[in-house]
Amino acid sequence: MIAVIFLINVIYVTCLTMRMILTLKGYRYYAAGVSVIETMIYVVGLGLVLNSLDKIENVLAYALGFGVGIIIGMKLEEWIALGYIVVNVTTADYEKDIPRKLRDLGYGVTHYAANGRDGQRMIMQILTPRKYELKLMDTVKQLDPKAFIIAYEPKNIHGGFWVKGVRSKQLKAYDTDEI
């Protein structure tokens, strides 16, 4: 009974975590579908615990399942990596050919000149699917080890040529060790 309660709550909270993430990212229909499964599992799991509240091990299994479910849900979301990420890169040398190299690899890059404390800089704004965020970071570090990098998740995206035809095949194909 303890293992069943634990497993049910792991599945329930994993669904709950995924539903919350899907809701926050705007995937309302997927979130609604996950919530149906979540609710059915929740009712069964809670019923098992409420029928045997006199056994502390059942309550502990329920609580531990909750914690493990959150971790699994977060790991699952990281693995799925829904959405896009915008990476802002600031380089100390404006003359570097980094934007062209990144475009050749399949990234959408907008770059412009800026002035920093120590002089002129180049700033690049790069859009990529979230699942390629770490690959992009490694690539930028190889092209300019001293680059200043900030990544954030955009709420809405409109326009631009790159979003229409995400170059995922091209991004997936290269190896950062070959840069």
C-alpha atoms as a PDB file:
ATOM      1  CA  MET A   1       0.000   0.000   0.000  1.00  0.00           C
ATOM      2  CA  ILE A   2       2.864   2.382   0.834  1.00  0.00           C
ATOM      3  CA  ALA A   3       4.492   1.888  -2.578  1.00  0.00           C
ATOM      4  CA  VAL A   4       1.166   2.376  -4.365  1.00  0.00           C
ATOM      5  CA  ILE A   5       0.461   5.642  -2.509  1.00  0.00           C
ATOM      6  CA  PHE A   6       4.001   6.875  -3.196  1.00  0.00           C
ATOM      7  CA  LEU A   7       3.821   6.028  -6.909  1.00  0.00           C
ATOM      8  CA  ILE A   8       0.360   7.525  -7.344  1.00  0.00           C
ATOM      9  CA  ASN A   9       1.470  10.782  -5.761  1.00  0.00           C
ATOM     10  CA  VAL A  10       4.656  10.913  -7.844  1.00  0.00           C
ATOM     11  CA  ILE A  11       2.551  10.597 -11.000  1.00  0.00           C
ATOM     12  CA  TYR A  12      -0.031  13.098  -9.723  1.00  0.00           C
ATOM     13  CA  VAL A  13       2.504  15.778  -8.808  1.00  0.00           C
ATOM     14  CA  THR A  14       4.470  15.235 -12.009  1.00  0.00           C
ATOM     15  CA  CYS A  15       1.228  15.936 -13.895  1.00  0.00           C
ATOM     16  CA  LEU A  16       0.520  18.945 -11.661  1.00  0.00           C
ATOM     17  CA  THR A  17       3.972  20.390 -12.306  1.00  0.00           C
ATOM     18  CA  MET A  18       3.688  19.847 -16.053  1.00  0.00           C
ATOM     19  CA  ARG A  19       0.201  21.385 -16.091  1.00  0.00           C
ATOM     20  CA  MET A  20       1.480  24.490 -14.299  1.00  0.00           C
ATOM     21  CA  ILE A  21       4.395  24.853 -16.716  1.00  0.00           C
ATOM     22  CA  LEU A  22       2.174  24.296 -19.753  1.00  0.00           C
ATOM     23  CA  THR A  23      -0.273  26.894 -18.408  1.00  0.00           C
ATOM     24  CA  LEU A  24       2.479  29.459 -17.839  1.00  0.00           C
ATOM     25  CA  LYS A  25       3.836  28.896 -21.348  1.00  0.00           C
ATOM     26  CA  GLY A  26       0.402  29.318 -22.933  1.00  0.00           C
ATOM     27  CA  TYR A  27      -0.268  25.707 -23.972  1.00  0.00           C
ATOM     28  CA  ARG A  28      -3.828  25.840 -22.606  1.00  0.00           C
ATOM     29  CA  TYR A  29      -5.285  22.804 -24.370  1.00  0.00           C
ATOM     30  CA  TYR A  30      -2.387  20.548 -23.389  1.00  0.00           C
ATOM     31  CA  ALA A  31      -2.636  21.897 -19.839  1.00  0.00           C
ATOM     32  CA  ALA A  32      -6.362  21.100 -19.764  1.00  0.00           C
ATOM     33  CA  GLY A  33      -5.720  17.543 -20.968  1.00  0.00           C
ATOM     34  CA  VAL A  34      -3.032  16.981 -18.354  1.00  0.00           C
ATOM     35  CA  SER A  35      -5.343  18.394 -15.659  1.00  0.00           C
ATOM     36  CA  VAL A  36      -7.967  15.719 -16.411  1.00  0.00           C
ATOM     37  CA  ILE A  37      -5.395  12.969 -15.816  1.00  0.00           C
ATOM     38  CA  GLU A  38      -4.036  14.832 -12.794  1.00  0.00           C
ATOM     39  CA  THR A  39      -7.460  15.095 -11.149  1.00  0.00           C
ATOM     40  CA  MET A  40      -8.287  11.418 -11.653  1.00  0.00           C
ATOM     41  CA  ILE A  41      -4.979  10.350 -10.127  1.00  0.00           C
ATOM     42  CA  TYR A  42      -5.364  12.842  -7.259  1.00  0.00           C
ATOM     43  CA  VAL A  43      -8.798  11.530  -6.267  1.00  0.00           C
ATOM     44  CA  VAL A  44      -7.574   7.921  -6.205  1.00  0.00           C
ATOM     45  CA  GLY A  45      -4.394   8.741  -4.249  1.00  0.00           C
ATOM     46  CA  LEU A  46      -6.094  10.970  -1.720  1.00  0.00           C
ATOM     47  CA  GLY A  47      -8.826   8.368  -1.232  1.00  0.00           C
ATOM     48  CA  LEU A  48      -6.230   5.720  -0.385  1.00  0.00           C
ATOM     49  CA  VAL A  49      -4.577   7.986   2.187  1.00  0.00           C
ATOM     50  CA  LEU A  50      -7.844   9.177   3.749  1.00  0.00           C
ATOM     51  CA  ASN A  51      -9.047   5.586   4.161  1.00  0.00           C
ATOM     52  CA  SER A  52      -6.012   4.824   6.309  1.00  0.00           C
ATOM     53  CA  LEU A  53      -5.067   8.025   8.128  1.00  0.00           C
ATOM     54  CA  ASP A  54      -4.201   6.006  11.207  1.00  0.00           C
ATOM     55  CA  LYS A  55      -1.066   4.692   9.450  1.00  0.00           C
ATOM     56  CA  ILE A  56       1.647   7.350   9.470  1.00  0.00           C
ATOM     57  CA  GLU A  57       3.659   5.481   6.826  1.00  0.00           C
ATOM     58  CA  ASN A  58       0.873   6.102   4.287  1.00  0.00           C
ATOM     59  CA  VAL A  59       0.922   9.835   5.015  1.00  0.00           C
ATOM     60  CA  LEU A  60       4.735   9.860   4.748  1.00  0.00           C
ATOM     61  CA  ALA A  61       4.576   7.969   1.448  1.00  0.00           C
ATOM     62  CA  TYR A  62       2.085  10.575   0.186  1.00  0.00           C
ATOM     63  CA  ALA A  63       4.356  13.457   1.265  1.00  0.00           C
ATOM     64  CA  LEU A  64       7.518  11.878  -0.173  1.00  0.00           C
ATOM     65  CA  GLY A  65       5.696  11.129  -3.416  1.00  0.00           C
ATOM     66  CA  PHE A  66       4.750  14.800  -3.596  1.00  0.00           C
ATOM     67  CA  GLY A  67       8.375  15.933  -3.324  1.00  0.00           C
ATOM     68  CA  VAL A  68       9.672  13.368  -5.801  1.00  0.00           C
ATOM     69  CA  GLY A  69       6.866  14.257  -8.216  1.00  0.00           C
ATOM     70  CA  ILE A  70       7.938  17.917  -8.247  1.00  0.00           C
ATOM     71  CA  ILE A  71      11.525  16.960  -9.059  1.00  0.00           C
ATOM     72  CA  ILE A  72      10.465  14.554 -11.816  1.00  0.00           C
ATOM     73  CA  GLY A  73       8.048  17.125 -13.277  1.00  0.00           C
ATOM     74  CA  MET A  74      10.772  19.765 -13.406  1.00  0.00           C
ATOM     75  CA  LYS A  75      13.273  17.352 -14.983  1.00  0.00           C
ATOM     76  CA  LEU A  76      10.647  16.309 -17.539  1.00  0.00           C
ATOM     77  CA  GLU A  77      10.025  19.949 -18.454  1.00  0.00           C
ATOM     78  CA  GLU A  78      13.782  20.560 -18.823  1.00  0.00           C
ATOM     79  CA  TRP A  79      14.004  17.532 -21.111  1.00  0.00           C
ATOM     80  CA  ILE A  80      11.047  18.655 -23.247  1.00  0.00           C
ATOM     81  CA  ALA A  81      12.341  22.281 -23.217  1.00  0.00           C
ATOM     82  CA  LEU A  82       9.257  24.012 -24.600  1.00  0.00           C
ATOM     83  CA  GLY A  83       9.505  27.426 -26.156  1.00  0.00           C
ATOM     84  CA  TYR A  84      12.339  29.727 -27.117  1.00  0.00           C
ATOM     85  CA  ILE A  85      15.159  31.480 -25.356  1.00  0.00           C
ATOM     86  CA  VAL A  86      16.762  34.817 -26.193  1.00  0.00           C
ATOM     87  CA  VAL A  87      20.464  35.076 -25.486  1.00  0.00           C
ATOM     88  CA  ASN A  88      22.120  38.489 -25.340  1.00  0.00           C
ATOM     89  CA  VAL A  89      25.862  38.337 -25.917  1.00  0.00           C
ATOM     90  CA  THR A  90      28.219  41.273 -25.402  1.00  0.00           C
ATOM     91  CA  THR A  91      31.706  40.996 -26.841  1.00  0.00           C
ATOM     92  CA  ALA A  92      34.634  43.335 -26.216  1.00  0.00           C
ATOM     93  CA  ASP A  93      35.727  43.326 -29.847  1.00  0.00           C
ATOM     94  CA  TYR A  94      33.255  44.712 -32.376  1.00  0.00           C
ATOM     95  CA  GLU A  95      35.277  43.462 -35.341  1.00  0.00           C
ATOM     96  CA  LYS A  96      34.844  39.738 -34.595  1.00  0.00           C
ATOM     97  CA  ASP A  97      32.981  37.669 -37.171  1.00  0.00           C
ATOM     98  CA  ILE A  98      30.840  35.899 -34.558  1.00  0.00           C
ATOM     99  CA  PRO A  99      27.408  36.921 -35.957  1.00  0.00           C
ATOM    100  CA  ARG A 100      28.149  35.373 -39.362  1.00  0.00           C
ATOM    101  CA  LYS A 101      29.484  32.174 -37.781  1.00  0.00           C
ATOM    102  CA  LEU A 102      26.372  31.856 -35.610  1.00  0.00           C
ATOM    103  CA  ARG A 103      24.088  32.500 -38.590  1.00  0.00           C
ATOM    104  CA  ASP A 104      25.957  29.856 -40.583  1.00  0.00           C
ATOM    105  CA  LEU A 105      25.204  27.409 -37.758  1.00  0.00           C
ATOM    106  CA  GLY A 106      21.475  28.209 -38.011  1.00  0.00           C
ATOM    107  CA  TYR A 107      20.884  30.809 -35.300  1.00  0.00           C
ATOM    108  CA  GLY A 108      18.936  34.007 -35.807  1.00  0.00           C
ATOM    109  CA  VAL A 109      21.290  36.850 -34.830  1.00  0.00           C
ATOM    110  CA  THR A 110      20.740  40.582 -34.627  1.00  0.00           C
ATOM    111  CA  HIS A 111      23.863  42.539 -33.742  1.00  0.00           C
ATOM    112  CA  TYR A 112      24.660  46.181 -33.140  1.00  0.00           C
ATOM    113  CA  ALA A 113      27.313  48.464 -31.710  1.00  0.00           C
ATOM    114  CA  ALA A 114      27.103  49.695 -28.147  1.00  0.00           C
ATOM    115  CA  ASN A 115      29.312  51.645 -25.785  1.00  0.00           C
ATOM    116  CA  GLY A 116      30.506  50.131 -22.528  1.00  0.00           C
ATOM    117  CA  ARG A 117      32.664  51.433 -19.709  1.00  0.00           C
ATOM    118  CA  ASP A 118      35.847  50.517 -21.566  1.00  0.00           C
ATOM    119  CA  GLY A 119      34.790  51.457 -25.086  1.00  0.00           C
ATOM    120  CA  GLN A 120      32.876  50.094 -28.026  1.00  0.00           C
ATOM    121  CA  ARG A 121      31.246  46.657 -27.801  1.00  0.00           C
ATOM    122  CA  MET A 122      29.196  44.433 -30.036  1.00  0.00           C
ATOM    123  CA  ILE A 123      25.879  43.175 -28.723  1.00  0.00           C
ATOM    124  CA  MET A 124      24.152  40.214 -30.316  1.00  0.00           C
ATOM    125  CA  GLN A 125      20.599  39.147 -29.693  1.00  0.00           C
ATOM    126  CA  ILE A 126      20.148  35.471 -30.546  1.00  0.00           C
ATOM    127  CA  LEU A 127      16.886  33.527 -30.640  1.00  0.00           C
ATOM    128  CA  THR A 128      16.927  29.735 -30.328  1.00  0.00           C
ATOM    129  CA  PRO A 129      14.658  26.915 -29.174  1.00  0.00           C
ATOM    130  CA  ARG A 130      15.219  26.253 -25.449  1.00  0.00           C
ATOM    131  CA  LYS A 131      16.537  22.768 -26.118  1.00  0.00           C
ATOM    132  CA  TYR A 132      19.569  24.352 -27.836  1.00  0.00           C
ATOM    133  CA  GLU A 133      20.294  26.934 -25.127  1.00  0.00           C
ATOM    134  CA  LEU A 134      23.302  25.137 -23.630  1.00  0.00           C
ATOM    135  CA  LYS A 135      24.658  24.300 -27.073  1.00  0.00           C
ATOM    136  CA  LEU A 136      24.464  27.989 -28.015  1.00  0.00           C
ATOM    137  CA  MET A 137      26.162  29.020 -24.767  1.00  0.00           C
ATOM    138  CA  ASP A 138      29.011  26.545 -25.394  1.00  0.00           C
ATOM    139  CA  THR A 139      29.349  27.771 -28.981  1.00  0.00           C
ATOM    140  CA  VAL A 140      29.526  31.428 -27.942  1.00  0.00           C
ATOM    141  CA  LYS A 141      32.100  30.606 -25.239  1.00  0.00           C
ATOM    142  CA  GLN A 142      34.253  28.867 -27.835  1.00  0.00           C
ATOM    143  CA  LEU A 143      33.992  31.806 -30.229  1.00  0.00           C
ATOM    144  CA  ASP A 144      34.676  34.366 -27.469  1.00  0.00           C
ATOM    145  CA  PRO A 145      35.624  32.994 -24.040  1.00  0.00           C
ATOM    146  CA  LYS A 146      35.293  36.475 -22.496  1.00  0.00           C
ATOM    147  CA  ALA A 147      31.793  37.163 -23.823  1.00  0.00           C
ATOM    148  CA  PHE A 148      29.181  38.454 -21.371  1.00  0.00           C
ATOM    149  CA  ILE A 149      26.055  36.305 -21.802  1.00  0.00           C
ATOM    150  CA  ILE A 150      22.506  36.779 -20.499  1.00  0.00           C
ATOM    151  CA  ALA A 151      19.656  34.407 -21.375  1.00  0.00           C
ATOM    152  CA  TYR A 152      15.949  34.945 -20.832  1.00  0.00           C
ATOM    153  CA  GLU A 153      12.677  33.460 -21.991  1.00  0.00           C
ATOM    154  CA  PRO A 154      10.497  35.738 -24.137  1.00  0.00           C
ATOM    155  CA  LYS A 155       6.798  35.871 -23.307  1.00  0.00           C
ATOM    156  CA  ASN A 156       5.597  36.635 -26.840  1.00  0.00           C
ATOM    157  CA  ILE A 157       7.286  36.525 -30.223  1.00  0.00           C
ATOM    158  CA  HIS A 158       5.955  38.239 -33.321  1.00  0.00           C
ATOM    159  CA  GLY A 159       7.526  38.620 -36.726  1.00  0.00           C
ATOM    160  CA  GLY A 160      11.047  37.987 -37.843  1.00  0.00           C
ATOM    161  CA  PHE A 161      12.116  35.586 -40.555  1.00  0.00           C
ATOM    162  CA  TRP A 162      13.705  33.024 -38.256  1.00  0.00           C
ATOM    163  CA  VAL A 163      10.675  32.031 -36.162  1.00  0.00           C
ATOM    164  CA  LYS A 164       8.681  31.091 -39.263  1.00  0.00           C
ATOM    165  CA  GLY A 165      11.088  28.330 -40.176  1.00  0.00           C
ATOM    166  CA  VAL A 166      13.034  27.263 -37.140  1.00  0.00           C
ATOM    167  CA  ARG A 167      16.293  25.791 -38.317  1.00  0.00           C
ATOM    168  CA  SER A 168      16.279  22.990 -35.778  1.00  0.00           C
ATOM    169  CA  LYS A 169      17.861  20.476 -38.154  1.00  0.00           C
ATOM    170  CA  GLN A 170      20.769  22.791 -38.754  1.00  0.00           C
ATOM    171  CA  LEU A 171      21.142  23.607 -35.034  1.00  0.00           C
ATOM    172  CA  LYS A 172      20.989  19.944 -34.117  1.00  0.00           C
ATOM    173  CA  ALA A 173      23.517  18.890 -36.743  1.00  0.00           C
ATOM    174  CA  TYR A 174      26.648  20.709 -35.621  1.00  0.00           C
ATOM    175  CA  ASP A 175      28.974  19.737 -32.787  1.00  0.00           C
ATOM    176  CA  THR A 176      30.325  22.465 -30.485  1.00  0.00           C
ATOM    177  CA  ASP A 177      33.744  20.793 -30.481  1.00  0.00           C
ATOM    178  CA  GLU A 178      34.056  21.594 -34.197  1.00  0.00           C
ATOM    179  CA  ILE A 179      33.774  25.364 -33.719  1.00  0.00           C
END
